[in-house]
Amino acid sequence: MEVAGDLEAKIESLLNVEKKMRLDNDVAGTKKAVTDILQLCYEAKAWKTLNDQIVLLSKRRGQLKQAVTAMVQQAMQYIDETPDVESKVELIKALNSVSAGKIYVEIERARLIKKLAKIKEEQGQIAEAADLMQEIAVETFGAMAKTEKIAFILEQVRLCLDRQDYVRAQILSRKISPRVFDADTSKEKKKPKEGDNVVEEAPADIPSLMELKRIYYELMIRFYSHSNDYLEICRCYKSIYEIPSVKEDPTQWIPVLRKICWYLVLSPHDPMQSSLLNSTLEDKNLSEISHFRLLLKQLVTMEVIQWTALWNTFNKEFDNEKNMLGGSLGDKAAEDLRQRVIEHNILVVSKYYSRITLKRLAQLLCLSVQEAEKHLSDMVVSKALVAKIDRPMGIVCFQAAKDSNDILNSWSLNLEKLLDLVEKSCHQIHKETMVHKVALKV
């Protein structure tokens, strides 16, 4: 009781000092008075009194911004010293109520919310943690360090993915431009001019820009895996592969390069996939995993791939991905791989044949006639191929139908070529007669 009474007396005395300094507009004196009050409460371990004093001091008439900032910053140092989770949460909530709506302590509020969200997540309340984090729009904070902003947004994305809120995760991820990771950090920072916003240094626990890049793409892999968007997953792994720390360590880049190869094979055929496929084949590091060079080579070679032989060769490698970085390729991956092989084979057939019977096509694809027709129809619908099926005759035509303008243009071009050849022939005949001085008999 005596200790409590003594503490109250000291606080009362300091409150009078604080009032005098505040009314005199003495910034340094007011800051010292409020921080001394908080220090007294902390040393006495009077956590409830500390929370009450934080709220009381912030609500005093004409309270100086600098005093509120100093008070919040001082109290944030005590959060980790609290005896239990309840005291920690109460202190964070008290500081949160004081900093709400005040631009000059917006960074402190963001850090407080992050701490509170972490506690909620540890308690298994992921939805509540995600909702708390989404209240803060750090991209508008001019004074916050770039790496801290990115780390905060990535935490928001991670919590949304944990609660399987993929729509909001995509919206939040778009706040980060991938180009921000390519910024040159070696350049010296310019000294801020007078009147410019001073950017604070990021806390020590915030990862570097390259580490954040890896976290960002790992989260995007989780997002794209939900919809089995293999090409985007491949591009994410390609970006991780380009990180200097990954490229220097074979134990890191080999699993990543394996994933790039697998997801390239699983991606539907399109110009982007073709470009990535060719650039990957030119990579010298691919010689370290020669099996995968062979796999990619089969896709760029215009030859029919035998699915059974391919699966027997790469079945073990496919299963080994479960133990590699990034885990297994997904439940549908084996089925999709077979689908990609069938699509490749149909494209190869379309290059060599202008017309082919459905029965022969099915033989080449090692499928039944019904399956071959279904896969061919799917490719035509997705505009990956131009083809027409004459079902009564059982014939597939891979030539695109030409309209009247195309036919006239082709005729015109052929006539032009013919006339050009006639002119060249006449010129050659005339040249020969001039050289040998042979008179032409009419």
Protein backbone atom coordinates (compact mmCIF):
# COMPACT_ATOMS: atom_id res chain seq x y z
CA MET A 1 0.00 0.00 0.00
CA GLU A 2 2.86 2.33 0.92
CA VAL A 3 4.59 1.59 -2.40
CA ALA A 4 1.36 2.26 -4.33
CA GLY A 5 0.81 5.49 -2.43
CA ASP A 6 4.39 6.56 -3.01
CA LEU A 7 4.05 5.86 -6.75
CA GLU A 8 0.84 7.89 -6.97
CA ALA A 9 2.48 10.81 -5.16
CA LYS A 10 5.46 10.78 -7.54
CA ILE A 11 3.18 10.57 -10.58
CA GLU A 12 1.03 13.46 -9.26
CA SER A 13 4.15 15.56 -8.78
CA LEU A 14 5.37 14.80 -12.31
CA LEU A 15 1.91 15.51 -13.76
CA ASN A 16 2.09 19.00 -12.31
CA VAL A 17 5.53 19.46 -13.88
CA GLU A 18 4.19 18.14 -17.20
CA LYS A 19 1.26 20.57 -17.07
CA LYS A 20 3.56 23.53 -16.45
CA MET A 21 5.92 22.53 -19.27
CA ARG A 22 3.04 21.87 -21.68
CA LEU A 23 1.42 25.24 -21.01
CA ASP A 24 4.82 26.91 -21.49
CA ASN A 25 5.12 25.01 -24.79
CA ASP A 26 8.43 23.55 -23.64
CA VAL A 27 8.87 20.51 -25.93
CA ALA A 28 11.97 19.04 -24.25
CA GLY A 29 10.56 19.49 -20.73
CA THR A 30 7.18 17.94 -21.63
CA LYS A 31 8.82 14.96 -23.32
CA LYS A 32 11.01 14.34 -20.25
CA ALA A 33 8.06 14.63 -17.87
CA VAL A 34 5.86 12.10 -19.76
CA THR A 35 8.71 9.60 -20.26
CA ASP A 36 9.64 9.87 -16.54
CA ILE A 37 6.05 9.04 -15.57
CA LEU A 38 6.10 5.94 -17.79
CA GLN A 39 9.52 4.95 -16.43
CA LEU A 40 8.21 5.14 -12.86
CA CYS A 41 5.28 2.86 -13.70
CA TYR A 42 7.57 0.41 -15.51
CA GLU A 43 10.06 0.23 -12.61
CA ALA A 44 7.19 -0.36 -10.17
CA LYS A 45 5.79 -3.06 -12.59
CA ALA A 46 2.42 -1.31 -12.32
CA TRP A 47 1.17 -2.30 -15.76
CA LYS A 48 -2.44 -1.19 -15.28
CA THR A 49 -1.27 2.22 -14.03
CA LEU A 50 1.08 2.46 -17.01
CA ASN A 51 -1.82 1.86 -19.45
CA ASP A 52 -4.01 4.41 -17.64
CA GLN A 53 -1.25 7.05 -17.67
CA ILE A 54 -0.61 6.55 -21.41
CA VAL A 55 -4.29 7.22 -22.19
CA LEU A 56 -4.52 10.09 -19.67
CA LEU A 57 -1.41 11.91 -20.90
CA SER A 58 -2.43 11.63 -24.56
CA LYS A 59 -5.87 13.15 -23.83
CA ARG A 60 -4.57 16.20 -21.94
CA ARG A 61 -5.62 19.46 -23.55
CA GLY A 62 -3.15 20.81 -26.09
CA GLN A 63 -0.82 17.84 -25.67
CA LEU A 64 2.28 18.26 -27.85
CA LYS A 65 2.81 15.90 -30.78
CA GLN A 66 6.44 15.39 -29.82
CA ALA A 67 5.41 14.33 -26.30
CA VAL A 68 2.90 11.77 -27.64
CA THR A 69 5.52 10.38 -30.05
CA ALA A 70 8.14 10.11 -27.27
CA MET A 71 5.59 8.45 -24.98
CA VAL A 72 4.53 5.84 -27.56
CA GLN A 73 8.13 5.06 -28.50
CA GLN A 74 9.12 4.74 -24.82
CA ALA A 75 6.18 2.44 -23.98
CA MET A 76 6.86 0.20 -27.00
CA GLN A 77 10.17 -0.77 -25.39
CA TYR A 78 8.26 -2.22 -22.41
CA ILE A 79 6.05 -4.57 -24.49
CA ASP A 80 8.53 -7.47 -24.41
CA GLU A 81 9.11 -6.95 -20.65
CA THR A 82 5.47 -7.64 -19.70
CA PRO A 83 4.97 -10.64 -17.36
CA ASP A 84 2.22 -12.38 -19.37
CA VAL A 85 0.33 -12.29 -22.68
CA GLU A 86 -2.70 -10.50 -21.19
CA SER A 87 -0.55 -7.60 -19.92
CA LYS A 88 1.19 -7.42 -23.30
CA VAL A 89 -2.12 -7.29 -25.19
CA GLU A 90 -3.54 -4.62 -22.85
CA LEU A 91 -0.44 -2.43 -23.27
CA ILE A 92 -0.54 -2.81 -27.07
CA LYS A 93 -4.26 -1.93 -27.13
CA ALA A 94 -3.64 1.15 -24.95
CA LEU A 95 -0.85 2.34 -27.28
CA ASN A 96 -2.99 1.49 -30.31
CA SER A 97 -5.88 3.65 -29.05
CA VAL A 98 -3.47 6.55 -28.44
CA SER A 99 -1.81 6.30 -31.90
CA ALA A 100 -5.04 5.73 -33.89
CA GLY A 101 -5.67 8.51 -36.41
CA LYS A 102 -2.36 10.31 -35.70
CA ILE A 103 -0.10 10.57 -38.75
CA TYR A 104 3.00 11.41 -36.67
CA VAL A 105 2.88 7.96 -34.97
CA GLU A 106 1.57 5.93 -37.94
CA ILE A 107 4.75 3.83 -38.20
CA GLU A 108 4.61 2.97 -34.48
CA ARG A 109 0.94 1.99 -34.88
CA ALA A 110 1.78 -0.31 -37.81
CA ARG A 111 4.45 -2.04 -35.69
CA LEU A 112 2.00 -2.38 -32.78
CA ILE A 113 -0.63 -3.97 -35.03
CA LYS A 114 1.99 -6.38 -36.37
CA LYS A 115 2.90 -7.46 -32.81
CA LEU A 116 -0.78 -7.89 -31.89
CA ALA A 117 -1.44 -9.91 -35.07
CA LYS A 118 1.49 -12.19 -34.23
CA ILE A 119 0.01 -12.87 -30.78
CA LYS A 120 -3.40 -13.63 -32.34
CA GLU A 121 -1.78 -16.01 -34.84
CA GLU A 122 0.09 -17.84 -32.04
CA GLN A 123 -3.28 -18.29 -30.33
CA GLY A 124 -4.64 -19.86 -33.52
CA GLN A 125 -6.85 -16.89 -34.45
CA ILE A 126 -5.56 -16.50 -38.03
CA ALA A 127 -8.70 -14.77 -39.37
CA GLU A 128 -8.53 -12.11 -36.61
CA ALA A 129 -4.80 -11.61 -37.23
CA ALA A 130 -5.40 -11.16 -40.98
CA ASP A 131 -8.23 -8.65 -40.35
CA LEU A 132 -6.00 -6.64 -37.98
CA MET A 133 -3.16 -6.44 -40.52
CA GLN A 134 -5.48 -5.34 -43.33
CA GLU A 135 -6.47 -2.22 -41.38
CA ILE A 136 -3.06 -0.69 -42.10
CA ALA A 137 -2.16 0.66 -45.55
CA VAL A 138 1.63 0.99 -45.17
CA GLU A 139 2.12 1.85 -48.86
CA THR A 140 0.96 5.41 -47.99
CA PHE A 141 3.56 5.86 -45.21
CA GLY A 142 6.20 8.22 -46.58
CA ALA A 143 8.56 7.95 -43.59
CA MET A 144 8.64 4.14 -43.42
CA ALA A 145 11.66 2.34 -44.89
CA LYS A 146 11.04 0.54 -48.19
CA THR A 147 12.09 -2.87 -46.85
CA GLU A 148 9.81 -2.52 -43.81
CA LYS A 149 6.85 -1.64 -46.07
CA ILE A 150 7.48 -4.69 -48.26
CA ALA A 151 7.88 -6.96 -45.23
CA PHE A 152 4.58 -5.67 -43.79
CA ILE A 153 2.65 -6.23 -47.04
CA LEU A 154 4.17 -9.71 -47.41
CA GLU A 155 2.95 -10.52 -43.90
CA GLN A 156 -0.55 -9.38 -44.95
CA VAL A 157 -0.38 -11.65 -48.03
CA ARG A 158 0.85 -14.62 -45.98
CA LEU A 159 -1.99 -14.33 -43.46
CA CYS A 160 -4.55 -14.12 -46.30
CA LEU A 161 -3.09 -17.28 -47.87
CA ASP A 162 -3.17 -19.02 -44.47
CA ARG A 163 -6.88 -18.27 -44.17
CA GLN A 164 -7.35 -19.25 -47.87
CA ASP A 165 -8.55 -15.79 -48.87
CA TYR A 166 -6.95 -15.90 -52.33
CA VAL A 167 -8.79 -12.89 -53.79
CA ARG A 168 -7.57 -10.51 -51.08
CA ALA A 169 -4.09 -12.06 -51.20
CA GLN A 170 -3.88 -11.20 -54.91
CA ILE A 171 -5.07 -7.62 -54.32
CA LEU A 172 -2.46 -7.11 -51.58
CA SER A 173 0.35 -8.71 -53.61
CA ARG A 174 -0.24 -6.18 -56.41
CA LYS A 175 0.85 -3.41 -54.04
CA ILE A 176 4.41 -4.69 -54.54
CA SER A 177 5.95 -4.17 -57.97
CA PRO A 178 8.50 -6.91 -58.84
CA ARG A 179 10.75 -4.15 -60.23
CA VAL A 180 11.36 -2.88 -56.68
CA PHE A 181 13.59 -5.93 -56.05
CA ASP A 182 15.87 -4.99 -58.96
CA ALA A 183 16.76 -1.61 -57.44
CA ASP A 184 20.49 -0.97 -56.99
CA THR A 185 21.05 -0.88 -53.21
CA SER A 186 24.79 -0.16 -53.59
CA LYS A 187 24.16 3.48 -54.53
CA GLU A 188 24.69 5.98 -51.76
CA LYS A 189 21.55 7.49 -50.34
CA LYS A 190 21.09 11.16 -51.04
CA LYS A 191 20.91 13.43 -48.04
CA PRO A 192 17.34 14.68 -47.61
CA LYS A 193 16.79 18.31 -48.50
CA GLU A 194 15.16 20.71 -46.13
CA GLY A 195 11.42 20.12 -46.07
CA ASP A 196 11.67 16.52 -47.37
CA ASN A 197 10.23 13.61 -45.39
CA VAL A 198 12.96 11.84 -43.43
CA VAL A 199 12.76 8.08 -44.03
CA GLU A 200 13.36 6.04 -40.90
CA GLU A 201 15.82 3.16 -40.82
CA ALA A 202 14.20 -0.29 -40.92
CA PRO A 203 14.35 -2.31 -37.64
CA ALA A 204 17.10 -4.93 -37.31
CA ASP A 205 14.66 -7.86 -37.65
CA ILE A 206 13.51 -6.80 -41.15
CA PRO A 207 15.10 -9.03 -43.89
CA SER A 208 17.24 -7.60 -46.69
CA LEU A 209 15.76 -6.74 -50.10
CA MET A 210 16.99 -10.01 -51.70
CA GLU A 211 15.57 -12.08 -48.83
CA LEU A 212 12.25 -10.24 -49.22
CA LYS A 213 12.36 -11.02 -52.96
CA ARG A 214 12.60 -14.73 -52.18
CA ILE A 215 9.76 -14.53 -49.62
CA TYR A 216 7.60 -12.63 -52.14
CA TYR A 217 8.03 -15.22 -54.90
CA GLU A 218 7.54 -18.14 -52.48
CA LEU A 219 4.21 -16.59 -51.44
CA MET A 220 3.26 -16.09 -55.11
CA ILE A 221 4.06 -19.77 -55.77
CA ARG A 222 1.61 -20.66 -52.99
CA PHE A 223 -0.99 -18.39 -54.60
CA TYR A 224 -0.57 -19.74 -58.16
CA SER A 225 -0.46 -23.36 -56.90
CA HIS A 226 -4.06 -22.92 -55.76
CA SER A 227 -5.19 -22.48 -59.39
CA ASN A 228 -2.48 -24.75 -60.92
CA ASP A 229 -1.12 -21.87 -63.02
CA TYR A 230 2.07 -23.73 -63.95
CA LEU A 231 3.59 -21.05 -66.19
CA GLU A 232 3.34 -18.35 -63.49
CA ILE A 233 4.80 -20.79 -60.91
CA CYS A 234 7.67 -21.43 -63.33
CA ARG A 235 8.28 -17.68 -63.70
CA CYS A 236 8.34 -17.30 -59.90
CA TYR A 237 10.96 -20.05 -59.60
CA LYS A 238 12.90 -18.38 -62.43
CA SER A 239 13.01 -15.14 -60.40
CA ILE A 240 14.21 -17.03 -57.30
CA TYR A 241 16.86 -18.71 -59.47
CA GLU A 242 18.19 -15.26 -60.49
CA ILE A 243 18.87 -14.21 -56.86
CA PRO A 244 22.71 -13.99 -56.47
CA SER A 245 22.84 -15.94 -53.18
CA VAL A 246 20.85 -18.79 -54.80
CA LYS A 247 22.90 -18.86 -58.01
CA GLU A 248 26.18 -19.11 -56.07
CA ASP A 249 25.13 -22.17 -54.06
CA PRO A 250 24.54 -25.45 -56.00
CA THR A 251 22.55 -26.93 -53.09
CA GLN A 252 20.04 -24.10 -53.60
CA TRP A 253 19.92 -23.62 -57.38
CA ILE A 254 19.74 -27.32 -58.37
CA PRO A 255 16.31 -27.91 -56.69
CA VAL A 256 15.05 -24.57 -58.08
CA LEU A 257 16.23 -25.41 -61.63
CA ARG A 258 14.53 -28.82 -61.37
CA LYS A 259 11.27 -27.06 -60.47
CA ILE A 260 11.68 -24.66 -63.42
CA CYS A 261 12.05 -27.65 -65.77
CA TRP A 262 9.06 -29.52 -64.37
CA TYR A 263 6.73 -26.52 -64.46
CA LEU A 264 7.87 -25.66 -68.00
CA VAL A 265 6.87 -29.16 -69.10
CA LEU A 266 3.55 -28.89 -67.23
CA SER A 267 2.71 -25.46 -68.76
CA PRO A 268 0.39 -25.33 -71.81
CA HIS A 269 2.11 -24.49 -75.08
CA ASP A 270 2.16 -20.74 -75.83
CA PRO A 271 4.75 -18.10 -76.92
CA MET A 272 5.81 -17.30 -73.32
CA GLN A 273 6.29 -20.98 -72.49
CA SER A 274 8.27 -21.50 -75.71
CA SER A 275 10.52 -18.52 -74.95
CA LEU A 276 11.22 -19.72 -71.38
CA LEU A 277 11.85 -23.25 -72.65
CA ASN A 278 14.51 -22.12 -75.13
CA SER A 279 16.22 -19.79 -72.65
CA THR A 280 16.35 -22.58 -70.04
CA LEU A 281 17.87 -25.01 -72.55
CA GLU A 282 20.69 -22.49 -73.14
CA ASP A 283 21.50 -22.38 -69.40
CA LYS A 284 24.92 -23.97 -68.76
CA ASN A 285 23.85 -25.15 -65.30
CA LEU A 286 21.39 -27.53 -66.94
CA SER A 287 24.33 -29.82 -67.74
CA GLU A 288 24.49 -30.63 -63.99
CA ILE A 289 21.05 -32.27 -64.28
CA SER A 290 21.35 -33.90 -67.71
CA HIS A 291 18.09 -35.88 -67.25
CA PHE A 292 16.14 -32.63 -67.38
CA ARG A 293 17.99 -31.35 -70.44
CA LEU A 294 16.79 -34.54 -72.19
CA LEU A 295 13.23 -33.89 -70.96
CA LEU A 296 13.17 -30.30 -72.30
CA LYS A 297 14.90 -31.35 -75.53
CA GLN A 298 12.04 -33.74 -76.28
CA LEU A 299 9.56 -30.86 -76.08
CA VAL A 300 11.40 -28.67 -78.60
CA THR A 301 12.05 -31.57 -80.99
CA MET A 302 9.28 -32.05 -83.56
CA GLU A 303 8.88 -35.76 -82.89
CA VAL A 304 6.10 -37.79 -81.28
CA ILE A 305 6.85 -38.59 -77.62
CA GLN A 306 5.95 -42.05 -76.32
CA TRP A 307 4.19 -41.39 -72.99
CA THR A 308 4.95 -44.83 -71.46
CA ALA A 309 8.69 -44.55 -72.15
CA LEU A 310 8.80 -40.97 -70.86
CA TRP A 311 6.95 -41.80 -67.63
CA ASN A 312 9.13 -44.86 -66.96
CA THR A 313 12.24 -42.70 -67.35
CA PHE A 314 11.12 -39.77 -65.17
CA ASN A 315 8.79 -41.47 -62.68
CA LYS A 316 11.43 -41.60 -59.91
CA GLU A 317 12.51 -37.99 -60.55
CA PHE A 318 8.86 -36.94 -60.32
CA ASP A 319 8.46 -38.67 -56.92
CA ASN A 320 11.77 -37.20 -55.65
CA GLU A 321 10.35 -33.66 -55.92
CA LYS A 322 8.45 -34.29 -52.65
CA ASN A 323 11.78 -34.19 -50.79
CA MET A 324 13.08 -31.16 -52.74
CA LEU A 325 12.70 -27.44 -52.08
CA GLY A 326 9.10 -26.38 -52.68
CA GLY A 327 7.63 -29.83 -52.10
CA SER A 328 5.63 -32.01 -54.49
CA LEU A 329 4.29 -30.78 -57.82
CA GLY A 330 0.66 -31.23 -56.81
CA ASP A 331 -2.02 -33.91 -57.04
CA LYS A 332 -2.97 -33.16 -60.65
CA ALA A 333 0.62 -32.86 -61.92
CA ALA A 334 1.01 -36.43 -63.27
CA GLU A 335 -2.32 -36.21 -65.10
CA ASP A 336 -1.43 -32.76 -66.49
CA LEU A 337 1.98 -34.00 -67.62
CA ARG A 338 0.29 -36.69 -69.73
CA GLN A 339 -2.06 -34.03 -71.12
CA ARG A 340 0.92 -31.85 -72.16
CA VAL A 341 2.59 -34.82 -73.91
CA ILE A 342 -0.62 -35.53 -75.87
CA GLU A 343 -0.89 -31.83 -76.85
CA HIS A 344 2.75 -31.84 -78.00
CA ASN A 345 2.13 -34.96 -80.11
CA ILE A 346 -0.96 -33.42 -81.75
CA LEU A 347 1.05 -30.29 -82.64
CA VAL A 348 3.80 -32.48 -84.15
CA VAL A 349 1.23 -34.38 -86.25
CA SER A 350 -0.29 -31.08 -87.45
CA LYS A 351 3.16 -29.97 -88.68
CA TYR A 352 3.69 -33.11 -90.79
CA TYR A 353 0.14 -33.77 -92.02
CA SER A 354 -2.37 -31.53 -93.75
CA ARG A 355 -5.00 -34.33 -93.63
CA ILE A 356 -5.06 -37.51 -91.55
CA THR A 357 -7.65 -40.10 -90.54
CA LEU A 358 -8.83 -40.11 -86.93
CA LYS A 359 -7.86 -43.77 -86.64
CA ARG A 360 -4.25 -43.10 -87.69
CA LEU A 361 -4.09 -40.05 -85.38
CA ALA A 362 -5.26 -42.19 -82.47
CA GLN A 363 -2.54 -44.77 -83.28
CA LEU A 364 0.18 -42.10 -83.29
CA LEU A 365 -1.07 -40.72 -79.96
CA CYS A 366 -1.48 -44.20 -78.40
CA LEU A 367 -5.10 -43.34 -77.54
CA SER A 368 -8.57 -44.54 -78.44
CA VAL A 369 -10.37 -42.73 -81.29
CA GLN A 370 -12.77 -41.06 -78.80
CA GLU A 371 -9.90 -39.81 -76.60
CA ALA A 372 -7.94 -38.51 -79.60
CA GLU A 373 -11.01 -36.64 -80.86
CA LYS A 374 -11.65 -35.13 -77.39
CA HIS A 375 -8.05 -33.87 -76.96
CA LEU A 376 -8.01 -32.49 -80.51
CA SER A 377 -11.35 -30.69 -79.95
CA ASP A 378 -10.07 -29.17 -76.66
CA MET A 379 -7.00 -27.76 -78.43
CA VAL A 380 -9.13 -26.28 -81.20
CA VAL A 381 -11.45 -24.64 -78.64
CA SER A 382 -8.47 -23.17 -76.74
CA LYS A 383 -7.13 -21.85 -80.11
CA ALA A 384 -3.85 -23.72 -79.72
CA LEU A 385 -4.48 -25.36 -83.09
CA VAL A 386 -6.53 -24.91 -86.27
CA ALA A 387 -8.29 -28.10 -87.39
CA LYS A 388 -11.58 -29.46 -88.75
CA ILE A 389 -12.97 -32.96 -88.26
CA ASP A 390 -15.09 -34.68 -90.89
CA ARG A 391 -16.77 -37.21 -88.58
CA PRO A 392 -18.68 -39.27 -91.20
CA MET A 393 -15.45 -39.72 -93.21
CA GLY A 394 -13.27 -39.88 -90.07
CA ILE A 395 -10.76 -37.36 -91.48
CA VAL A 396 -9.00 -34.48 -89.71
CA CYS A 397 -7.92 -31.49 -91.80
CA PHE A 398 -5.24 -29.22 -90.26
CA GLN A 399 -5.38 -26.56 -92.97
CA ALA A 400 -7.13 -23.31 -92.11
CA ALA A 401 -10.04 -22.43 -94.39
CA LYS A 402 -9.18 -19.55 -96.71
CA ASP A 403 -11.63 -16.83 -97.64
CA SER A 404 -11.97 -15.41 -101.18
CA ASN A 405 -9.50 -12.56 -100.49
CA ASP A 406 -6.78 -14.98 -99.35
CA ILE A 407 -7.29 -17.15 -102.44
CA LEU A 408 -7.08 -14.13 -104.81
CA ASN A 409 -3.96 -12.88 -103.02
CA SER A 410 -2.27 -16.29 -103.36
CA TRP A 411 -3.13 -16.39 -107.09
CA SER A 412 -1.78 -12.89 -107.55
CA LEU A 413 1.44 -13.82 -105.74
CA ASN A 414 1.86 -16.98 -107.82
CA LEU A 415 1.37 -15.06 -111.10
CA GLU A 416 3.91 -12.48 -109.97
CA LYS A 417 6.44 -15.24 -109.24
CA LEU A 418 5.74 -16.87 -112.63
CA LEU A 419 6.24 -13.61 -114.54
CA ASP A 420 9.42 -12.94 -112.62
CA LEU A 421 10.77 -16.38 -113.58
CA VAL A 422 9.85 -15.83 -117.27
CA GLU A 423 11.65 -12.46 -117.23
CA LYS A 424 14.77 -13.98 -115.67
CA SER A 425 14.72 -16.84 -118.21
CA CYS A 426 14.48 -14.38 -121.13
CA HIS A 427 17.35 -12.39 -119.66
CA GLN A 428 19.53 -15.51 -119.37
CA ILE A 429 18.71 -16.60 -122.96
CA HIS A 430 19.56 -13.13 -124.28
CA LYS A 431 22.81 -13.14 -122.31
CA GLU A 432 23.86 -16.49 -123.77
CA THR A 433 23.14 -15.38 -127.33
CA MET A 434 25.21 -12.22 -126.82
CA VAL A 435 28.15 -14.17 -125.37
CA HIS A 436 28.27 -16.78 -128.14
CA LYS A 437 27.07 -14.37 -130.87
CA VAL A 438 24.50 -16.83 -132.07
CA ALA A 439 21.81 -15.40 -134.29
CA LEU A 440 18.33 -16.48 -133.36
CA LYS A 441 16.42 -18.00 -136.22
CA VAL A 442 12.85 -16.98 -136.33
